[in-house]
Amino acid sequence: MINLHDIRYVRLGTANLDETVRFATGVLGLELVRREHKSVYFRSDDRDHTLVYFSGDPQDHTTAFELDDRDALDAAAVVLEQAGRPVHLGTPDECEQRRVRAFINFKDPSGNSIDLVWRPQHSGRRYFASRDAGITGFSHVGLRTTDPGRDEAFWTTVCNARVSDWIGDAPLLRIDEVHHKIALFPSTYAGVQHVNHQVASVDDIMRSYYMLRERGVRIVFGPGRHPTSGAMFLYFEGPDGMTYEYSSGVRMITDECSYRPRQFPFEPAGFCMWGARPDIPEFKT
């Protein structure tokens, strides 16, 4: 079994790099780290970077997870090959672009591109946001799945993810104490479905809600509160149709022995206990 330590970064292709950079700084509130290789790097916490935009296909997405050591990386490559998931070993140039010592890339059964990385860099400087959004860090991704049951089995048997809850057939998966780091939502194609950043409080969510409305940013869900994770949330649309989420107050699962996953309906009440209704295709029947 592959022991995923933590989620690390997301890499997203974009059709208009300059527009997307303006969104990331002026709206999303991330810190611009550097520009290189037709890519722009951003951070949201003490990691070297947590989000990368690059000039390319807006459907080209990669999500990265950190492993504990090089032996674990080598073992993961063997496990994936045996599971019928061909592995690409990162070249020195690709490792430099990702600021890691080594990584492998593979596709999950739906075709989502996944990096497994070893010794990713941290920043030696304090995170300094481009606006006061209250962001405390990059936390999780929603991934599209063409077969939720099959992909749930992959992430929980080939990897160490555990189901925290289900919304319909969509599993919310944890790899540590946080309620979920991966959420799998039914779709007809692969890719990152949404990118989540944690913020410090509901006040940050509401400040952003009014700011986004004033700037004409399309809000697609919320403000609301998830009955699954307990987190208060706000979803909004960015360039290339990507959905971003701010949330605060996510549930921590500390007792693995006594916690049992719960089943919620795939309807608005399964997504929000306050009554908000999503305008997100993967959240609607």
C-alpha atoms as a PDB file:
ATOM      1  CA  MET A   1       0.000   0.000   0.000  1.00  0.00           C
ATOM      2  CA  ILE A   2       1.211   3.523  -0.869  1.00  0.00           C
ATOM      3  CA  ASN A   3       1.319   5.711   2.245  1.00  0.00           C
ATOM      4  CA  LEU A   4       0.366   9.240   1.180  1.00  0.00           C
ATOM      5  CA  HIS A   5       1.753  11.675   3.752  1.00  0.00           C
ATOM      6  CA  ASP A   6       0.048  14.898   2.655  1.00  0.00           C
ATOM      7  CA  ILE A   7      -1.260  16.741  -0.367  1.00  0.00           C
ATOM      8  CA  ARG A   8       1.422  19.025  -1.774  1.00  0.00           C
ATOM      9  CA  TYR A   9       0.515  21.104  -4.833  1.00  0.00           C
ATOM     10  CA  VAL A  10      -1.683  21.433  -7.896  1.00  0.00           C
ATOM     11  CA  ARG A  11      -0.463  22.275 -11.404  1.00  0.00           C
ATOM     12  CA  LEU A  12      -3.059  23.779 -13.763  1.00  0.00           C
ATOM     13  CA  GLY A  13      -2.782  24.641 -17.435  1.00  0.00           C
ATOM     14  CA  THR A  14      -4.302  27.955 -18.461  1.00  0.00           C
ATOM     15  CA  ALA A  15      -5.170  29.598 -21.759  1.00  0.00           C
ATOM     16  CA  ASN A  16      -4.316  33.096 -20.498  1.00  0.00           C
ATOM     17  CA  LEU A  17      -1.449  33.111 -18.010  1.00  0.00           C
ATOM     18  CA  ASP A  18      -1.509  36.871 -17.330  1.00  0.00           C
ATOM     19  CA  GLU A  19      -5.244  36.886 -16.598  1.00  0.00           C
ATOM     20  CA  THR A  20      -4.907  33.872 -14.316  1.00  0.00           C
ATOM     21  CA  VAL A  21      -2.020  35.461 -12.403  1.00  0.00           C
ATOM     22  CA  ARG A  22      -4.134  38.574 -11.815  1.00  0.00           C
ATOM     23  CA  PHE A  23      -6.897  36.364 -10.455  1.00  0.00           C
ATOM     24  CA  ALA A  24      -4.552  34.432  -8.155  1.00  0.00           C
ATOM     25  CA  THR A  25      -3.141  37.608  -6.605  1.00  0.00           C
ATOM     26  CA  GLY A  26      -6.026  40.087  -6.751  1.00  0.00           C
ATOM     27  CA  VAL A  27      -8.914  37.729  -6.046  1.00  0.00           C
ATOM     28  CA  LEU A  28      -7.712  34.403  -4.632  1.00  0.00           C
ATOM     29  CA  GLY A  29      -5.091  36.078  -2.436  1.00  0.00           C
ATOM     30  CA  LEU A  30      -2.013  33.884  -2.908  1.00  0.00           C
ATOM     31  CA  GLU A  31       1.640  34.952  -2.745  1.00  0.00           C
ATOM     32  CA  LEU A  32       3.433  35.037  -6.095  1.00  0.00           C
ATOM     33  CA  VAL A  33       6.729  33.179  -5.652  1.00  0.00           C
ATOM     34  CA  ARG A  34       8.381  33.217  -9.098  1.00  0.00           C
ATOM     35  CA  ARG A  35       7.937  32.979 -12.852  1.00  0.00           C
ATOM     36  CA  GLU A  36       9.880  30.450 -14.924  1.00  0.00           C
ATOM     37  CA  HIS A  37       9.424  27.945 -17.765  1.00  0.00           C
ATOM     38  CA  LYS A  38       6.206  29.737 -18.843  1.00  0.00           C
ATOM     39  CA  SER A  39       4.890  28.928 -15.378  1.00  0.00           C
ATOM     40  CA  VAL A  40       3.963  31.034 -12.350  1.00  0.00           C
ATOM     41  CA  TYR A  41       4.309  29.641  -8.827  1.00  0.00           C
ATOM     42  CA  PHE A  42       2.164  30.608  -5.827  1.00  0.00           C
ATOM     43  CA  ARG A  43       2.191  29.698  -2.165  1.00  0.00           C
ATOM     44  CA  SER A  44      -0.440  29.769   0.552  1.00  0.00           C
ATOM     45  CA  ASP A  45       1.578  28.559   3.562  1.00  0.00           C
ATOM     46  CA  ASP A  46       5.154  27.556   4.471  1.00  0.00           C
ATOM     47  CA  ARG A  47       5.624  25.260   1.459  1.00  0.00           C
ATOM     48  CA  ASP A  48       7.742  26.450  -1.469  1.00  0.00           C
ATOM     49  CA  HIS A  49       4.604  26.484  -3.615  1.00  0.00           C
ATOM     50  CA  THR A  50       1.122  25.000  -3.517  1.00  0.00           C
ATOM     51  CA  LEU A  51      -0.309  26.102  -6.874  1.00  0.00           C
ATOM     52  CA  VAL A  52       1.316  26.428 -10.299  1.00  0.00           C
ATOM     53  CA  TYR A  53      -0.248  27.874 -13.431  1.00  0.00           C
ATOM     54  CA  PHE A  54       1.429  27.165 -16.752  1.00  0.00           C
ATOM     55  CA  SER A  55       0.646  28.187 -20.318  1.00  0.00           C
ATOM     56  CA  GLY A  56      -1.075  25.180 -21.807  1.00  0.00           C
ATOM     57  CA  ASP A  57      -4.240  23.164 -22.114  1.00  0.00           C
ATOM     58  CA  PRO A  58      -6.757  24.273 -19.424  1.00  0.00           C
ATOM     59  CA  GLN A  59      -7.705  20.596 -19.040  1.00  0.00           C
ATOM     60  CA  ASP A  60      -4.109  19.645 -18.144  1.00  0.00           C
ATOM     61  CA  HIS A  61      -4.111  19.204 -14.347  1.00  0.00           C
ATOM     62  CA  THR A  62      -1.768  17.425 -11.929  1.00  0.00           C
ATOM     63  CA  THR A  63      -2.193  16.901  -8.193  1.00  0.00           C
ATOM     64  CA  ALA A  64       0.800  15.994  -6.006  1.00  0.00           C
ATOM     65  CA  PHE A  65       1.107  14.029  -2.790  1.00  0.00           C
ATOM     66  CA  GLU A  66       4.180  13.753  -0.570  1.00  0.00           C
ATOM     67  CA  LEU A  67       5.698  10.419   0.495  1.00  0.00           C
ATOM     68  CA  ASP A  68       7.859   9.877   3.571  1.00  0.00           C
ATOM     69  CA  ASP A  69      11.162   8.783   1.999  1.00  0.00           C
ATOM     70  CA  ARG A  70      12.915   7.581  -1.156  1.00  0.00           C
ATOM     71  CA  ASP A  71      12.296   3.938  -0.325  1.00  0.00           C
ATOM     72  CA  ALA A  72       8.577   4.689  -0.179  1.00  0.00           C
ATOM     73  CA  LEU A  73       8.766   6.374  -3.595  1.00  0.00           C
ATOM     74  CA  ASP A  74      10.578   3.408  -5.141  1.00  0.00           C
ATOM     75  CA  ALA A  75       8.124   0.991  -3.550  1.00  0.00           C
ATOM     76  CA  ALA A  76       5.175   3.062  -4.809  1.00  0.00           C
ATOM     77  CA  ALA A  77       6.464   2.760  -8.379  1.00  0.00           C
ATOM     78  CA  VAL A  78       6.496  -1.036  -8.054  1.00  0.00           C
ATOM     79  CA  VAL A  79       2.999  -1.128  -6.525  1.00  0.00           C
ATOM     80  CA  LEU A  80       1.582   1.091  -9.273  1.00  0.00           C
ATOM     81  CA  GLU A  81       3.163  -0.924 -12.082  1.00  0.00           C
ATOM     82  CA  GLN A  82       1.777  -4.110 -10.558  1.00  0.00           C
ATOM     83  CA  ALA A  83      -1.655  -2.449 -10.367  1.00  0.00           C
ATOM     84  CA  GLY A  84      -1.523  -1.649 -14.086  1.00  0.00           C
ATOM     85  CA  ARG A  85      -0.727   2.052 -13.593  1.00  0.00           C
ATOM     86  CA  PRO A  86       2.381   2.855 -15.710  1.00  0.00           C
ATOM     87  CA  VAL A  87       4.829   5.184 -13.954  1.00  0.00           C
ATOM     88  CA  HIS A  88       6.975   8.032 -15.289  1.00  0.00           C
ATOM     89  CA  LEU A  89      10.113   8.838 -13.273  1.00  0.00           C
ATOM     90  CA  GLY A  90      10.692  12.583 -13.193  1.00  0.00           C
ATOM     91  CA  THR A  91      13.740  13.894 -15.045  1.00  0.00           C
ATOM     92  CA  PRO A  92      16.192  16.260 -13.292  1.00  0.00           C
ATOM     93  CA  ASP A  93      14.628  19.219 -15.126  1.00  0.00           C
ATOM     94  CA  GLU A  94      11.115  18.151 -14.124  1.00  0.00           C
ATOM     95  CA  CYS A  95      12.242  17.710 -10.513  1.00  0.00           C
ATOM     96  CA  GLU A  96      13.729  21.213 -10.532  1.00  0.00           C
ATOM     97  CA  GLN A  97      10.473  22.650 -11.881  1.00  0.00           C
ATOM     98  CA  ARG A  98       8.581  20.976  -9.029  1.00  0.00           C
ATOM     99  CA  ARG A  99      11.239  21.807  -6.413  1.00  0.00           C
ATOM    100  CA  VAL A 100      11.493  18.173  -5.293  1.00  0.00           C
ATOM    101  CA  ARG A 101      14.386  15.703  -5.048  1.00  0.00           C
ATOM    102  CA  ALA A 102      12.478  13.022  -6.942  1.00  0.00           C
ATOM    103  CA  PHE A 103       8.973  12.191  -8.104  1.00  0.00           C
ATOM    104  CA  ILE A 104       6.949   9.746 -10.127  1.00  0.00           C
ATOM    105  CA  ASN A 105       3.827  10.485 -12.152  1.00  0.00           C
ATOM    106  CA  PHE A 106       0.939   8.186 -12.995  1.00  0.00           C
ATOM    107  CA  LYS A 107      -2.729   8.305 -13.985  1.00  0.00           C
ATOM    108  CA  ASP A 108      -5.437   7.075 -11.646  1.00  0.00           C
ATOM    109  CA  PRO A 109      -8.139   4.818 -13.168  1.00  0.00           C
ATOM    110  CA  SER A 110     -10.170   7.844 -14.352  1.00  0.00           C
ATOM    111  CA  GLY A 111      -7.095   9.423 -15.949  1.00  0.00           C
ATOM    112  CA  ASN A 112      -6.285  12.044 -13.304  1.00  0.00           C
ATOM    113  CA  SER A 113      -2.579  12.958 -13.389  1.00  0.00           C
ATOM    114  CA  ILE A 114      -0.915  12.363 -10.005  1.00  0.00           C
ATOM    115  CA  ASP A 115       2.623  13.203  -8.832  1.00  0.00           C
ATOM    116  CA  LEU A 116       4.121  11.364  -5.859  1.00  0.00           C
ATOM    117  CA  VAL A 117       7.020  13.459  -4.572  1.00  0.00           C
ATOM    118  CA  TRP A 118       9.974  12.998  -2.223  1.00  0.00           C
ATOM    119  CA  ARG A 119      11.655  15.825  -0.293  1.00  0.00           C
ATOM    120  CA  PRO A 120       9.686  18.789  -1.624  1.00  0.00           C
ATOM    121  CA  GLN A 121      11.099  22.179  -0.710  1.00  0.00           C
ATOM    122  CA  HIS A 122       9.769  24.438   2.006  1.00  0.00           C
ATOM    123  CA  SER A 123      10.163  28.187   1.971  1.00  0.00           C
ATOM    124  CA  GLY A 124      12.570  29.957   4.282  1.00  0.00           C
ATOM    125  CA  ARG A 125      10.295  32.977   4.413  1.00  0.00           C
ATOM    126  CA  ARG A 126       6.975  33.657   6.084  1.00  0.00           C
ATOM    127  CA  TYR A 127       3.934  33.437   3.803  1.00  0.00           C
ATOM    128  CA  PHE A 128       2.807  36.922   2.779  1.00  0.00           C
ATOM    129  CA  ALA A 129      -0.580  37.073   1.076  1.00  0.00           C
ATOM    130  CA  SER A 130      -1.308  39.355  -1.859  1.00  0.00           C
ATOM    131  CA  ARG A 131      -4.578  40.339  -0.161  1.00  0.00           C
ATOM    132  CA  ASP A 132      -6.050  39.685   3.265  1.00  0.00           C
ATOM    133  CA  ALA A 133      -8.187  36.674   2.392  1.00  0.00           C
ATOM    134  CA  GLY A 134      -7.334  34.937   5.681  1.00  0.00           C
ATOM    135  CA  ILE A 135      -5.840  31.899   3.912  1.00  0.00           C
ATOM    136  CA  THR A 136      -4.054  29.499   6.253  1.00  0.00           C
ATOM    137  CA  GLY A 137      -3.080  26.906   3.643  1.00  0.00           C
ATOM    138  CA  PHE A 138      -3.865  24.696   0.663  1.00  0.00           C
ATOM    139  CA  SER A 139      -5.947  21.818   1.964  1.00  0.00           C
ATOM    140  CA  HIS A 140      -7.652  19.546  -0.578  1.00  0.00           C
ATOM    141  CA  VAL A 141      -8.830  18.945  -4.128  1.00  0.00           C
ATOM    142  CA  GLY A 142     -11.956  17.626  -5.714  1.00  0.00           C
ATOM    143  CA  LEU A 143     -11.130  15.181  -8.509  1.00  0.00           C
ATOM    144  CA  ARG A 144     -13.481  14.064 -11.242  1.00  0.00           C
ATOM    145  CA  THR A 145     -14.163  10.346 -11.471  1.00  0.00           C
ATOM    146  CA  THR A 146     -15.786   8.368 -14.253  1.00  0.00           C
ATOM    147  CA  ASP A 147     -16.482   5.487 -11.848  1.00  0.00           C
ATOM    148  CA  PRO A 148     -16.671   6.423  -8.132  1.00  0.00           C
ATOM    149  CA  GLY A 149     -16.697   2.846  -6.814  1.00  0.00           C
ATOM    150  CA  ARG A 150     -13.692   1.793  -8.876  1.00  0.00           C
ATOM    151  CA  ASP A 151     -11.689   4.893  -7.976  1.00  0.00           C
ATOM    152  CA  GLU A 152     -12.624   4.657  -4.300  1.00  0.00           C
ATOM    153  CA  ALA A 153     -11.217   1.118  -4.321  1.00  0.00           C
ATOM    154  CA  PHE A 154      -7.999   2.346  -5.954  1.00  0.00           C
ATOM    155  CA  TRP A 155      -7.403   5.148  -3.436  1.00  0.00           C
ATOM    156  CA  THR A 156      -8.266   2.972  -0.428  1.00  0.00           C
ATOM    157  CA  THR A 157      -6.494  -0.283  -1.397  1.00  0.00           C
ATOM    158  CA  VAL A 158      -3.560   0.732  -3.597  1.00  0.00           C
ATOM    159  CA  CYS A 159      -3.139   3.898  -1.479  1.00  0.00           C
ATOM    160  CA  ASN A 160      -3.837   4.520   2.201  1.00  0.00           C
ATOM    161  CA  ALA A 161      -6.880   6.803   1.862  1.00  0.00           C
ATOM    162  CA  ARG A 162      -9.892   6.095   4.081  1.00  0.00           C
ATOM    163  CA  VAL A 163     -13.498   7.036   3.442  1.00  0.00           C
ATOM    164  CA  SER A 164     -14.786   9.688   5.836  1.00  0.00           C
ATOM    165  CA  ASP A 165     -18.260  10.059   4.315  1.00  0.00           C
ATOM    166  CA  TRP A 166     -20.169   9.567   1.070  1.00  0.00           C
ATOM    167  CA  ILE A 167     -22.469  12.000  -0.711  1.00  0.00           C
ATOM    168  CA  GLY A 168     -24.397   9.650  -2.944  1.00  0.00           C
ATOM    169  CA  ASP A 169     -21.625   7.633  -4.608  1.00  0.00           C
ATOM    170  CA  ALA A 170     -19.038  10.414  -4.133  1.00  0.00           C
ATOM    171  CA  PRO A 171     -16.482   9.450  -1.457  1.00  0.00           C
ATOM    172  CA  LEU A 172     -14.668  12.017   0.699  1.00  0.00           C
ATOM    173  CA  LEU A 173     -11.240  10.558   1.469  1.00  0.00           C
ATOM    174  CA  ARG A 174      -8.757  11.342   4.240  1.00  0.00           C
ATOM    175  CA  ILE A 175      -5.056  10.494   4.419  1.00  0.00           C
ATOM    176  CA  ASP A 176      -4.481  12.039   7.863  1.00  0.00           C
ATOM    177  CA  GLU A 177      -6.728  13.504  10.581  1.00  0.00           C
ATOM    178  CA  VAL A 178      -8.340  16.094   8.267  1.00  0.00           C
ATOM    179  CA  HIS A 179     -11.822  14.961   7.190  1.00  0.00           C
ATOM    180  CA  HIS A 180     -10.781  14.817   3.538  1.00  0.00           C
ATOM    181  CA  LYS A 181      -7.841  15.678   1.311  1.00  0.00           C
ATOM    182  CA  ILE A 182      -9.421  14.098  -1.798  1.00  0.00           C
ATOM    183  CA  ALA A 183     -13.062  14.220  -2.881  1.00  0.00           C
ATOM    184  CA  LEU A 184     -14.169  12.181  -5.900  1.00  0.00           C
ATOM    185  CA  PHE A 185     -17.129  13.560  -7.844  1.00  0.00           C
ATOM    186  CA  PRO A 186     -18.840  11.709 -10.709  1.00  0.00           C
ATOM    187  CA  SER A 187     -18.151  13.134 -14.154  1.00  0.00           C
ATOM    188  CA  THR A 188     -17.668  12.048 -17.758  1.00  0.00           C
ATOM    189  CA  TYR A 189     -14.004  13.092 -17.852  1.00  0.00           C
ATOM    190  CA  ALA A 190     -10.939  13.429 -15.608  1.00  0.00           C
ATOM    191  CA  GLY A 191      -9.406  16.540 -14.037  1.00  0.00           C
ATOM    192  CA  VAL A 192      -9.323  18.720 -10.947  1.00  0.00           C
ATOM    193  CA  GLN A 193     -12.900  19.656 -10.092  1.00  0.00           C
ATOM    194  CA  HIS A 194     -12.131  22.234  -7.396  1.00  0.00           C
ATOM    195  CA  VAL A 195      -9.197  23.570  -5.373  1.00  0.00           C
ATOM    196  CA  ASN A 196      -9.656  24.264  -1.661  1.00  0.00           C
ATOM    197  CA  HIS A 197      -7.859  26.723   0.596  1.00  0.00           C
ATOM    198  CA  GLN A 198      -8.570  26.916   4.299  1.00  0.00           C
ATOM    199  CA  VAL A 199      -9.216  30.329   5.839  1.00  0.00           C
ATOM    200  CA  ALA A 200      -9.051  31.285   9.481  1.00  0.00           C
ATOM    201  CA  SER A 201     -12.723  31.962  10.225  1.00  0.00           C
ATOM    202  CA  VAL A 202     -16.243  32.448   8.928  1.00  0.00           C
ATOM    203  CA  ASP A 203     -15.505  36.184   8.990  1.00  0.00           C
ATOM    204  CA  ASP A 204     -12.914  35.623   6.245  1.00  0.00           C
ATOM    205  CA  ILE A 205     -15.481  33.700   4.207  1.00  0.00           C
ATOM    206  CA  MET A 206     -18.035  36.485   4.486  1.00  0.00           C
ATOM    207  CA  ARG A 207     -15.511  39.246   3.745  1.00  0.00           C
ATOM    208  CA  SER A 208     -14.531  37.390   0.588  1.00  0.00           C
ATOM    209  CA  TYR A 209     -18.180  36.796  -0.300  1.00  0.00           C
ATOM    210  CA  TYR A 210     -18.902  40.530  -0.442  1.00  0.00           C
ATOM    211  CA  MET A 211     -15.601  41.322  -2.141  1.00  0.00           C
ATOM    212  CA  LEU A 212     -16.212  38.712  -4.838  1.00  0.00           C
ATOM    213  CA  ARG A 213     -19.703  40.054  -5.475  1.00  0.00           C
ATOM    214  CA  GLU A 214     -18.373  43.593  -5.830  1.00  0.00           C
ATOM    215  CA  ARG A 215     -15.773  42.428  -8.366  1.00  0.00           C
ATOM    216  CA  GLY A 216     -18.262  40.445 -10.408  1.00  0.00           C
ATOM    217  CA  VAL A 217     -16.715  37.047  -9.655  1.00  0.00           C
ATOM    218  CA  ARG A 218     -19.241  34.283 -10.196  1.00  0.00           C
ATOM    219  CA  ILE A 219     -20.196  32.601  -6.913  1.00  0.00           C
ATOM    220  CA  VAL A 220     -21.306  29.040  -7.587  1.00  0.00           C
ATOM    221  CA  PHE A 221     -22.139  27.753  -4.090  1.00  0.00           C
ATOM    222  CA  GLY A 222     -22.570  29.289  -0.673  1.00  0.00           C
ATOM    223  CA  PRO A 223     -21.959  30.712   1.771  1.00  0.00           C
ATOM    224  CA  GLY A 224     -22.917  27.475   3.442  1.00  0.00           C
ATOM    225  CA  ARG A 225     -21.848  24.663   5.740  1.00  0.00           C
ATOM    226  CA  HIS A 226     -21.087  21.073   4.763  1.00  0.00           C
ATOM    227  CA  PRO A 227     -22.889  18.467   6.909  1.00  0.00           C
ATOM    228  CA  THR A 228     -20.061  16.024   6.122  1.00  0.00           C
ATOM    229  CA  SER A 229     -16.915  17.880   7.193  1.00  0.00           C
ATOM    230  CA  GLY A 230     -18.698  20.565   9.216  1.00  0.00           C
ATOM    231  CA  ALA A 231     -16.735  23.225   7.325  1.00  0.00           C
ATOM    232  CA  MET A 232     -18.263  26.573   6.410  1.00  0.00           C
ATOM    233  CA  PHE A 233     -17.607  27.267   2.740  1.00  0.00           C
ATOM    234  CA  LEU A 234     -17.748  29.494  -0.305  1.00  0.00           C
ATOM    235  CA  TYR A 235     -17.169  28.287  -3.888  1.00  0.00           C
ATOM    236  CA  PHE A 236     -16.454  30.630  -6.788  1.00  0.00           C
ATOM    237  CA  GLU A 237     -15.338  30.399 -10.396  1.00  0.00           C
ATOM    238  CA  GLY A 238     -11.917  31.405 -11.688  1.00  0.00           C
ATOM    239  CA  PRO A 239     -10.275  31.499 -15.124  1.00  0.00           C
ATOM    240  CA  ASP A 240     -10.716  28.515 -17.446  1.00  0.00           C
ATOM    241  CA  GLY A 241     -13.848  27.529 -15.512  1.00  0.00           C
ATOM    242  CA  MET A 242     -11.895  26.225 -12.497  1.00  0.00           C
ATOM    243  CA  THR A 243     -13.791  26.230  -9.200  1.00  0.00           C
ATOM    244  CA  TYR A 244     -12.108  27.462  -6.017  1.00  0.00           C
ATOM    245  CA  GLU A 245     -13.268  27.026  -2.443  1.00  0.00           C
ATOM    246  CA  TYR A 246     -12.581  28.830   0.808  1.00  0.00           C
ATOM    247  CA  SER A 247     -13.563  26.860   3.894  1.00  0.00           C
ATOM    248  CA  SER A 248     -13.102  27.030   7.641  1.00  0.00           C
ATOM    249  CA  GLY A 249     -13.749  24.710  10.564  1.00  0.00           C
ATOM    250  CA  VAL A 250     -13.166  21.346   8.886  1.00  0.00           C
ATOM    251  CA  ARG A 251     -13.761  18.264  11.033  1.00  0.00           C
ATOM    252  CA  MET A 252     -10.726  16.386  12.368  1.00  0.00           C
ATOM    253  CA  ILE A 253     -11.011  12.611  12.768  1.00  0.00           C
ATOM    254  CA  THR A 254      -8.686  11.587  15.588  1.00  0.00           C
ATOM    255  CA  ASP A 255     -10.168   8.241  16.648  1.00  0.00           C
ATOM    256  CA  GLU A 256      -9.860   5.824  13.733  1.00  0.00           C
ATOM    257  CA  CYS A 257     -11.295   2.948  15.753  1.00  0.00           C
ATOM    258  CA  SER A 258     -14.637   4.526  16.633  1.00  0.00           C
ATOM    259  CA  TYR A 259     -15.325   6.675  13.573  1.00  0.00           C
ATOM    260  CA  ARG A 260     -17.672   5.220  10.971  1.00  0.00           C
ATOM    261  CA  PRO A 261     -18.281   6.791   7.538  1.00  0.00           C
ATOM    262  CA  ARG A 262     -21.762   8.201   7.010  1.00  0.00           C
ATOM    263  CA  GLN A 263     -23.965   8.199   3.916  1.00  0.00           C
ATOM    264  CA  PHE A 264     -25.488  11.525   2.793  1.00  0.00           C
ATOM    265  CA  PRO A 265     -27.941  12.031  -0.075  1.00  0.00           C
ATOM    266  CA  PHE A 266     -26.725  13.395  -3.392  1.00  0.00           C
ATOM    267  CA  GLU A 267     -28.965  16.445  -3.195  1.00  0.00           C
ATOM    268  CA  PRO A 268     -28.539  20.017  -1.901  1.00  0.00           C
ATOM    269  CA  ALA A 269     -29.117  18.929   1.712  1.00  0.00           C
ATOM    270  CA  GLY A 270     -26.228  16.471   1.409  1.00  0.00           C
ATOM    271  CA  PHE A 271     -23.888  19.305   0.428  1.00  0.00           C
ATOM    272  CA  CYS A 272     -25.144  22.167   2.627  1.00  0.00           C
ATOM    273  CA  MET A 273     -26.924  22.145   5.983  1.00  0.00           C
ATOM    274  CA  TRP A 274     -27.820  25.859   5.704  1.00  0.00           C
ATOM    275  CA  GLY A 275     -29.847  25.495   2.526  1.00  0.00           C
ATOM    276  CA  ALA A 276     -27.471  26.846  -0.134  1.00  0.00           C
ATOM    277  CA  ARG A 277     -27.876  25.259  -3.556  1.00  0.00           C
ATOM    278  CA  PRO A 278     -24.870  24.522  -5.768  1.00  0.00           C
ATOM    279  CA  ASP A 279     -24.466  25.776  -9.311  1.00  0.00           C
ATOM    280  CA  ILE A 280     -21.676  23.272  -9.949  1.00  0.00           C
ATOM    281  CA  PRO A 281     -22.295  20.478 -12.472  1.00  0.00           C
ATOM    282  CA  GLU A 282     -20.632  17.737 -10.385  1.00  0.00           C
ATOM    283  CA  PHE A 283     -22.706  18.704  -7.327  1.00  0.00           C
ATOM    284  CA  LYS A 284     -26.032  18.327  -9.166  1.00  0.00           C
ATOM    285  CA  THR A 285     -27.866  15.225 -10.360  1.00  0.00           C
END
